Amino acid sequence: MSDGILVVNAGSSSIKVKLYAIDDADLVPRLSGGMSGIGSAPLLSVTDGSGAVLEERRFEPGEIADASAAQHQLADWFSRHGSTESIIAVGHRVVHGGPDFAEPMLVDDAVLRRLETFIPLAPLHQLGNLDPIRVLRQRRPDLPQVACFDTAFHRGHPELADRFALPRFLHDEGVRRYGFHGLSYEYVAGRLRDLAPGTADGRVVMAHLGSGASLCALKAGRSQETTMSFTALDGLPMGTRCGALDPGVVLHLIEHKGMTPAEIGHMLYHESGLLGLSGLSNDVRTLLASDRPEAAMAVAYFCRRVAQATAALAVTLGGLDAFVFTAGIGENAPEIRRRIIAELGWAGLILSNDANRSGAARLDAEGSRAQIWIVPTDEERMIARHTMRLLGRTAPGAAA
């Protein structure tokens, strides 16, 4: 049986897992699955490498109350089906690496304790990221576990991109612009280099548009600036997150509405964004299908903010050679792509409507001043590659 890398991508309400077999040519997916609806309507699902369903099992909400319980169920399933024997390491997505971690790290007690201190910086994600690490350390203390950070790709930004206009001692204490979605951007940057090497060396804005959304400015494949900052709340409006917000609003909610920090945090993370704007849904498919004016306004607001942020990042880059869509909305919503590029028409971007409708990889029409691409992301494969490299193994297709 081939050696395998297990990748765990855990959040607050779901865990995705993927088992890759290592061979000489590639990382081959063997099993994919996870637990969705943690704490509400838990569903365990597993498919094989061809997509055939191996397991679908529903649980009562109380049976799977948190990420730890979900990880135990997944580990039990893998053990019962003999899928753990080949695993030589586990790679984890960890949203926040703070000021300390600029590259993937083997997890030991000291690393885990340090990562726990970053939970307040990513309350929606970090705790869920770390729970499966703890579970697997209890069950398989001999198994190397690697933390791969969404912030790491953005380390090394110019100082102008990393600072807030706050007293310097706060920056020294770690209050700075970190940026997120780094594993996605790193993978997509590699794929763009395969598809268009000359373009990848130029000035590129990538749009990771999903339930969480951000933009990243890249030059020669390296992150220069990004829209998320100290937390994953900043920048673009998202499914349920507010995006950029005047901090005076938070002061107003405290001083005049009597809201507690916990109440404000819940509102900004769970009740805002497209959901808050529309009062209907956080799903762009639902909003696009609705005839309610609030839904139309939410979609228009989202597309306008993406275009505005693109213009700001083009200033950082000194121009724009390519715009890249990725993630769930970016890859699968042609109407959202059309509207965003229409907002950027002043910059000379021209979309091919036929290519956009068909979902072709390259979307720009003749005469466009910048290329337009769809490049599907694969954070799990990126994590598997990092895990292999940290173990001293050559990562197949590492440049892809």
Protein backbone atom coordinates (compact mmCIF):
# COMPACT_ATOMS: atom_id res chain seq x y z
CA MET A 1 0.00 0.00 0.00
CA SER A 2 1.35 3.44 -0.94
CA ASP A 3 2.28 5.91 1.76
CA GLY A 4 -0.45 8.46 2.32
CA ILE A 5 -0.92 12.04 3.47
CA LEU A 6 -4.14 12.91 5.27
CA VAL A 7 -5.26 16.53 4.97
CA VAL A 8 -7.68 18.02 7.50
CA ASN A 9 -9.40 21.33 6.75
CA ALA A 10 -11.53 22.11 9.79
CA GLY A 11 -13.81 25.00 10.57
CA SER A 12 -16.40 25.88 13.17
CA SER A 13 -19.24 23.88 11.59
CA SER A 14 -17.54 21.45 9.23
CA ILE A 15 -14.43 19.34 8.71
CA LYS A 16 -13.17 18.30 5.29
CA VAL A 17 -10.63 15.50 4.99
CA LYS A 18 -8.75 14.13 2.01
CA LEU A 19 -6.39 11.16 1.82
CA TYR A 20 -3.71 11.26 -0.84
CA ALA A 21 -1.54 8.34 -1.91
CA ILE A 22 2.02 9.26 -2.82
CA ASP A 23 3.48 7.83 -5.98
CA ASP A 24 6.34 8.85 -8.24
CA ALA A 25 4.24 11.06 -10.46
CA ASP A 26 1.56 12.69 -8.36
CA LEU A 27 -0.48 12.97 -5.21
CA VAL A 28 -3.44 10.71 -5.99
CA PRO A 29 -6.72 11.32 -4.11
CA ARG A 30 -7.91 8.08 -2.51
CA LEU A 31 -10.63 9.21 -0.14
CA SER A 32 -12.51 12.46 0.39
CA GLY A 33 -15.04 13.23 3.03
CA GLY A 34 -15.88 15.08 6.13
CA MET A 35 -18.50 16.12 8.60
CA SER A 36 -20.85 19.00 7.83
CA GLY A 37 -23.50 20.60 10.02
CA ILE A 38 -21.55 20.18 13.25
CA GLY A 39 -23.81 21.06 16.17
CA SER A 40 -26.93 21.41 14.01
CA ALA A 41 -27.50 18.64 11.43
CA PRO A 42 -24.31 16.53 11.42
CA LEU A 43 -23.68 14.51 8.27
CA LEU A 44 -20.71 12.20 7.80
CA SER A 45 -19.89 11.56 4.16
CA VAL A 46 -16.99 9.76 2.47
CA THR A 47 -16.28 9.12 -1.22
CA ASP A 48 -13.50 7.24 -2.94
CA GLY A 49 -11.07 8.68 -5.48
CA SER A 50 -13.60 8.29 -8.29
CA GLY A 51 -16.34 10.06 -6.37
CA ALA A 52 -18.32 6.94 -5.49
CA VAL A 53 -20.13 7.28 -2.17
CA LEU A 54 -18.72 5.00 0.53
CA GLU A 55 -20.61 6.39 3.52
CA GLU A 56 -23.40 8.80 4.33
CA ARG A 57 -24.59 8.89 7.92
CA ARG A 58 -26.63 11.47 9.78
CA PHE A 59 -26.34 12.15 13.50
CA GLU A 60 -28.41 13.90 16.11
CA PRO A 61 -27.10 17.42 16.82
CA GLY A 62 -26.01 16.51 20.34
CA GLU A 63 -23.92 13.57 19.11
CA ILE A 64 -21.55 15.85 17.15
CA ALA A 65 -21.44 19.07 19.10
CA ASP A 66 -17.99 20.34 18.11
CA ALA A 67 -14.97 19.76 15.90
CA SER A 68 -13.40 17.35 18.41
CA ALA A 69 -16.39 15.02 18.30
CA ALA A 70 -16.46 15.23 14.50
CA GLN A 71 -12.77 14.36 14.26
CA HIS A 72 -13.27 11.33 16.53
CA GLN A 73 -16.05 10.08 14.25
CA LEU A 74 -13.92 10.56 11.14
CA ALA A 75 -10.93 8.86 12.74
CA ASP A 76 -13.13 5.93 13.80
CA TRP A 77 -14.41 5.57 10.23
CA PHE A 78 -10.88 5.54 8.79
CA SER A 79 -9.78 2.96 11.40
CA ARG A 80 -12.73 0.64 10.75
CA HIS A 81 -12.03 0.68 7.02
CA GLY A 82 -8.29 0.11 7.30
CA SER A 83 -7.44 3.50 5.86
CA THR A 84 -5.03 4.62 8.58
CA GLU A 85 -2.24 2.10 8.08
CA SER A 86 -0.68 3.94 5.14
CA ILE A 87 -0.85 7.44 6.63
CA ILE A 88 2.64 8.82 7.33
CA ALA A 89 1.58 12.36 8.31
CA VAL A 90 -1.39 14.70 8.66
CA GLY A 91 -1.45 18.22 7.27
CA HIS A 92 -3.84 20.77 8.75
CA ARG A 93 -5.12 24.11 7.55
CA VAL A 94 -4.63 26.59 10.38
CA VAL A 95 -6.04 30.00 9.60
CA HIS A 96 -3.81 32.16 11.79
CA GLY A 97 -0.06 31.82 12.24
CA GLY A 98 0.27 35.20 13.95
CA PRO A 99 3.58 37.06 13.81
CA ASP A 100 5.57 33.91 14.61
CA PHE A 101 4.90 31.38 11.86
CA ALA A 102 5.83 32.26 8.29
CA GLU A 103 5.99 28.68 7.00
CA PRO A 104 4.46 25.27 7.79
CA MET A 105 5.49 23.79 11.13
CA LEU A 106 5.57 20.38 12.74
CA VAL A 107 3.21 20.60 15.69
CA ASP A 108 4.57 19.94 19.17
CA ASP A 109 3.32 21.09 22.57
CA ALA A 110 5.00 24.48 22.32
CA VAL A 111 3.66 25.18 18.81
CA LEU A 112 0.15 24.15 19.83
CA ARG A 113 0.22 26.40 22.89
CA ARG A 114 1.36 29.34 20.77
CA LEU A 115 -1.34 28.74 18.17
CA GLU A 116 -3.97 28.75 20.91
CA THR A 117 -3.01 32.35 21.72
CA PHE A 118 -4.19 33.38 18.24
CA ILE A 119 -7.77 32.16 18.78
CA PRO A 120 -8.99 35.72 19.53
CA LEU A 121 -7.59 36.83 16.15
CA ALA A 122 -9.68 34.27 14.24
CA PRO A 123 -12.50 33.22 16.56
CA LEU A 124 -14.61 31.79 13.75
CA HIS A 125 -11.86 29.43 12.58
CA GLN A 126 -8.83 28.91 14.81
CA LEU A 127 -10.41 26.84 17.58
CA GLY A 128 -11.96 24.49 15.03
CA ASN A 129 -8.60 24.22 13.25
CA LEU A 130 -6.82 23.17 16.43
CA ASP A 131 -9.35 20.69 17.85
CA PRO A 132 -8.60 17.94 15.29
CA ILE A 133 -4.87 18.34 15.98
CA ARG A 134 -5.48 17.66 19.66
CA VAL A 135 -7.67 14.63 18.90
CA LEU A 136 -5.12 13.06 16.58
CA ARG A 137 -2.28 13.74 19.03
CA GLN A 138 -4.24 11.77 21.62
CA ARG A 139 -5.06 8.91 19.26
CA ARG A 140 -1.79 8.74 17.33
CA PRO A 141 0.97 10.54 19.25
CA ASP A 142 3.55 8.96 16.91
CA LEU A 143 2.02 10.51 13.78
CA PRO A 144 3.68 13.73 12.54
CA GLN A 145 1.21 16.59 12.21
CA VAL A 146 1.93 19.70 10.18
CA ALA A 147 0.21 23.06 10.58
CA CYS A 148 -0.08 25.03 7.32
CA PHE A 149 -1.04 28.66 7.79
CA ASP A 150 -3.38 30.81 5.72
CA THR A 151 -1.38 33.85 6.82
CA ALA A 152 2.06 32.54 5.79
CA PHE A 153 1.84 33.39 2.07
CA HIS A 154 1.43 37.07 2.95
CA ARG A 155 4.44 37.31 5.23
CA GLY A 156 7.21 39.45 3.79
CA HIS A 157 4.87 42.20 2.60
CA PRO A 158 6.38 45.66 2.33
CA GLU A 159 5.92 47.58 5.57
CA LEU A 160 3.41 49.91 3.90
CA ALA A 161 1.08 46.98 3.34
CA ASP A 162 1.31 45.51 6.83
CA ARG A 163 0.76 48.50 9.10
CA PHE A 164 -2.31 50.18 10.52
CA ALA A 165 -2.13 53.91 11.26
CA LEU A 166 -2.03 53.17 14.98
CA PRO A 167 0.64 53.75 17.65
CA ARG A 168 3.78 51.80 16.80
CA PHE A 169 3.79 49.76 20.00
CA LEU A 170 0.60 48.02 18.86
CA HIS A 171 2.29 46.88 15.66
CA ASP A 172 5.20 45.58 17.71
CA GLU A 173 2.70 43.63 19.83
CA GLY A 174 1.23 41.98 16.72
CA VAL A 175 -1.62 44.30 15.73
CA ARG A 176 -0.94 44.32 12.00
CA ARG A 177 -2.38 43.30 8.64
CA TYR A 178 -1.84 39.54 8.30
CA GLY A 179 -4.07 38.53 5.39
CA PHE A 180 -5.72 35.15 4.84
CA HIS A 181 -6.64 32.63 2.12
CA GLY A 182 -2.89 32.23 1.62
CA LEU A 183 -2.99 28.49 0.87
CA SER A 184 -5.52 29.14 -1.89
CA TYR A 185 -3.50 32.01 -3.37
CA GLU A 186 -0.30 29.99 -3.23
CA TYR A 187 -1.88 27.10 -5.13
CA VAL A 188 -3.54 29.33 -7.73
CA ALA A 189 -0.29 31.27 -8.26
CA GLY A 190 1.45 27.99 -9.07
CA ARG A 191 -1.29 26.92 -11.46
CA LEU A 192 -1.22 30.29 -13.22
CA ARG A 193 2.51 29.82 -13.74
CA ASP A 194 1.73 26.53 -15.50
CA LEU A 195 -1.01 28.08 -17.63
CA ALA A 196 0.65 31.40 -18.49
CA PRO A 197 4.23 31.76 -17.19
CA GLY A 198 4.72 35.27 -18.54
CA THR A 199 1.47 36.44 -16.99
CA ALA A 200 2.32 34.89 -13.62
CA ASP A 201 5.49 36.99 -13.54
CA GLY A 202 3.47 40.16 -14.00
CA ARG A 203 0.99 42.22 -12.00
CA VAL A 204 -1.94 40.01 -11.00
CA VAL A 205 -4.98 40.49 -8.79
CA MET A 206 -6.52 37.23 -7.59
CA ALA A 207 -10.09 37.09 -6.28
CA HIS A 208 -10.85 34.28 -3.83
CA LEU A 209 -14.63 34.63 -3.79
CA GLY A 210 -16.57 32.20 -1.62
CA SER A 211 -18.44 32.36 1.67
CA GLY A 212 -15.23 34.04 2.79
CA ALA A 213 -13.88 36.47 0.21
CA SER A 214 -10.69 38.42 -0.34
CA LEU A 215 -8.40 39.78 -3.03
CA CYS A 216 -4.62 39.48 -3.28
CA ALA A 217 -2.18 41.56 -5.32
CA LEU A 218 0.76 39.51 -6.62
CA LYS A 219 3.89 40.50 -8.47
CA ALA A 220 6.11 37.72 -9.85
CA GLY A 221 3.93 35.27 -7.93
CA ARG A 222 4.51 36.84 -4.52
CA SER A 223 1.88 38.50 -2.37
CA GLN A 224 2.24 42.27 -2.16
CA GLU A 225 -0.99 43.24 -0.41
CA THR A 226 -4.37 41.71 0.39
CA THR A 227 -7.80 42.89 1.49
CA MET A 228 -8.15 40.91 4.72
CA SER A 229 -6.02 42.19 7.56
CA PHE A 230 -5.83 41.65 11.34
CA THR A 231 -8.79 39.27 11.22
CA ALA A 232 -10.83 37.58 8.51
CA LEU A 233 -13.54 40.23 8.93
CA ASP A 234 -11.85 42.97 6.93
CA GLY A 235 -11.97 43.81 3.24
CA LEU A 236 -14.76 42.53 1.01
CA PRO A 237 -18.31 41.83 2.19
CA MET A 238 -18.76 38.08 2.51
CA GLY A 239 -21.53 35.58 3.04
CA THR A 240 -22.19 36.56 6.66
CA ARG A 241 -19.17 38.78 7.46
CA CYS A 242 -19.28 42.53 7.12
CA GLY A 243 -15.98 43.30 5.42
CA ALA A 244 -14.45 46.77 5.79
CA LEU A 245 -16.20 48.78 8.49
CA ASP A 246 -15.71 52.19 10.07
CA PRO A 247 -14.46 51.37 13.60
CA GLY A 248 -16.69 54.17 14.80
CA VAL A 249 -19.64 51.86 14.12
CA VAL A 250 -18.32 49.43 16.72
CA LEU A 251 -17.90 52.27 19.22
CA HIS A 252 -21.47 53.39 18.48
CA LEU A 253 -22.83 49.89 19.08
CA ILE A 254 -21.05 49.73 22.43
CA GLU A 255 -21.77 53.25 23.65
CA HIS A 256 -25.27 53.87 22.31
CA LYS A 257 -26.77 50.43 21.67
CA GLY A 258 -25.36 48.82 24.80
CA MET A 259 -24.11 45.79 22.89
CA THR A 260 -21.46 43.58 24.41
CA PRO A 261 -18.29 42.56 22.53
CA ALA A 262 -19.71 39.05 22.17
CA GLU A 263 -22.96 40.38 20.68
CA ILE A 264 -21.10 42.63 18.26
CA GLY A 265 -18.76 39.83 17.27
CA HIS A 266 -21.68 37.51 16.55
CA MET A 267 -23.37 40.16 14.41
CA LEU A 268 -20.24 41.02 12.42
CA TYR A 269 -19.29 37.39 11.78
CA HIS A 270 -22.69 35.68 11.44
CA GLU A 271 -25.42 38.22 10.62
CA SER A 272 -23.78 40.68 8.23
CA GLY A 273 -22.39 40.53 4.69
CA LEU A 274 -24.74 39.33 1.95
CA LEU A 275 -27.10 37.93 4.57
CA GLY A 276 -27.33 41.21 6.43
CA LEU A 277 -27.65 43.31 3.29
CA SER A 278 -30.38 41.17 1.75
CA GLY A 279 -32.20 39.93 4.83
CA LEU A 280 -32.66 36.79 2.74
CA SER A 281 -29.60 34.61 2.27
CA ASN A 282 -25.81 34.46 2.23
CA ASP A 283 -25.87 32.37 -0.96
CA VAL A 284 -25.39 34.30 -4.21
CA ARG A 285 -27.39 31.66 -6.10
CA THR A 286 -30.43 32.43 -3.97
CA LEU A 287 -29.86 36.17 -4.29
CA LEU A 288 -29.48 36.06 -8.08
CA ALA A 289 -32.69 34.01 -8.38
CA SER A 290 -34.68 36.39 -6.17
CA ASP A 291 -36.81 39.28 -7.42
CA ARG A 292 -36.52 41.15 -4.13
CA PRO A 293 -34.78 44.54 -4.44
CA GLU A 294 -32.78 43.84 -1.29
CA ALA A 295 -31.27 40.77 -2.95
CA ALA A 296 -30.36 42.77 -6.06
CA MET A 297 -28.76 45.45 -3.91
CA ALA A 298 -26.68 42.89 -2.00
CA VAL A 299 -25.30 41.44 -5.23
CA ALA A 300 -24.57 44.90 -6.64
CA TYR A 301 -22.85 45.91 -3.39
CA PHE A 302 -20.65 42.80 -3.46
CA CYS A 303 -19.58 43.30 -7.09
CA ARG A 304 -18.93 47.03 -6.58
CA ARG A 305 -16.72 46.38 -3.54
CA VAL A 306 -14.72 43.72 -5.40
CA ALA A 307 -14.10 46.16 -8.25
CA GLN A 308 -13.17 49.00 -5.89
CA ALA A 309 -10.71 46.80 -4.02
CA THR A 310 -9.21 45.67 -7.33
CA ALA A 311 -8.55 49.28 -8.26
CA ALA A 312 -6.80 49.87 -4.93
CA LEU A 313 -4.58 46.82 -5.39
CA ALA A 314 -3.74 47.92 -8.94
CA VAL A 315 -2.26 51.04 -7.35
CA THR A 316 -0.05 48.82 -5.18
CA LEU A 317 1.07 46.89 -8.28
CA GLY A 318 1.47 49.91 -10.54
CA GLY A 319 -0.93 48.46 -13.09
CA LEU A 320 -2.78 45.27 -13.88
CA ASP A 321 -1.78 42.47 -16.25
CA ALA A 322 -4.30 39.84 -15.19
CA PHE A 323 -7.35 39.28 -13.01
CA VAL A 324 -7.98 35.76 -11.69
CA PHE A 325 -11.22 34.33 -10.28
CA THR A 326 -11.10 31.38 -7.89
CA ALA A 327 -13.08 29.62 -5.10
CA GLY A 328 -16.78 28.76 -5.04
CA ILE A 329 -18.33 31.98 -6.36
CA GLY A 330 -15.38 32.89 -8.54
CA GLU A 331 -15.33 29.49 -10.24
CA ASN A 332 -19.06 28.85 -10.52
CA ALA A 333 -21.00 32.13 -10.81
CA PRO A 334 -20.71 33.57 -14.35
CA GLU A 335 -23.17 36.38 -13.59
CA ILE A 336 -21.04 37.59 -10.68
CA ARG A 337 -17.93 37.43 -12.89
CA ARG A 338 -19.74 39.40 -15.59
CA ARG A 339 -20.81 42.14 -13.19
CA ILE A 340 -17.39 42.50 -11.59
CA ILE A 341 -15.61 42.83 -14.93
CA ALA A 342 -18.28 45.28 -16.12
CA GLU A 343 -17.43 47.43 -13.07
CA LEU A 344 -13.78 47.31 -14.20
CA GLY A 345 -14.54 48.32 -17.77
CA TRP A 346 -13.01 51.77 -17.13
CA ALA A 347 -9.64 49.99 -16.75
CA GLY A 348 -9.98 48.37 -20.17
CA LEU A 349 -10.99 44.88 -19.03
CA ILE A 350 -13.27 43.20 -21.57
CA LEU A 351 -14.97 39.88 -20.91
CA SER A 352 -15.77 37.28 -23.54
CA ASN A 353 -19.41 36.45 -22.79
CA ASP A 354 -19.16 33.08 -24.54
CA ALA A 355 -16.07 32.06 -22.59
CA ASN A 356 -17.64 33.28 -19.35
CA ARG A 357 -20.84 31.30 -19.88
CA SER A 358 -18.93 28.14 -20.75
CA GLY A 359 -16.54 28.44 -17.81
CA ALA A 360 -13.42 28.41 -19.98
CA ALA A 361 -10.09 28.94 -18.25
CA ARG A 362 -9.38 32.23 -20.05
CA LEU A 363 -12.18 34.77 -20.24
CA ASP A 364 -10.81 37.99 -21.75
CA ALA A 365 -12.03 39.14 -25.14
CA GLU A 366 -9.87 40.57 -27.90
CA GLY A 367 -8.76 44.08 -27.01
CA SER A 368 -8.87 43.60 -23.24
CA ARG A 369 -6.02 45.47 -21.53
CA ALA A 370 -5.62 42.67 -18.99
CA GLN A 371 -6.07 38.93 -19.13
CA ILE A 372 -8.98 37.38 -17.21
CA TRP A 373 -8.77 33.82 -15.88
CA ILE A 374 -10.64 31.21 -13.88
CA VAL A 375 -8.18 29.05 -11.96
CA PRO A 376 -9.78 26.49 -9.61
CA THR A 377 -8.18 26.37 -6.20
CA ASP A 378 -7.13 23.27 -4.24
CA GLU A 379 -6.09 24.13 -0.71
CA GLU A 380 -5.97 20.48 0.32
CA ARG A 381 -3.40 19.59 -2.34
CA MET A 382 -1.32 22.60 -1.30
CA ILE A 383 -1.38 21.39 2.32
CA ALA A 384 -0.35 17.89 1.23
CA ARG A 385 2.62 19.30 -0.68
CA HIS A 386 3.75 21.38 2.29
CA THR A 387 3.44 18.36 4.57
CA MET A 388 5.59 16.23 2.27
CA ARG A 389 8.26 18.89 1.99
CA LEU A 390 8.46 19.28 5.75
CA LEU A 391 8.98 15.52 6.05
CA GLY A 392 11.83 15.70 3.55
CA ARG A 393 9.87 14.06 0.76
CA THR A 394 9.74 15.53 -2.73
CA ALA A 395 6.26 16.84 -3.36
CA PRO A 396 4.98 15.52 -6.73
CA GLY A 397 3.89 18.33 -9.01
CA ALA A 398 5.12 20.85 -6.48
CA ALA A 399 5.20 23.64 -9.02
CA ALA A 400 1.59 23.11 -10.06
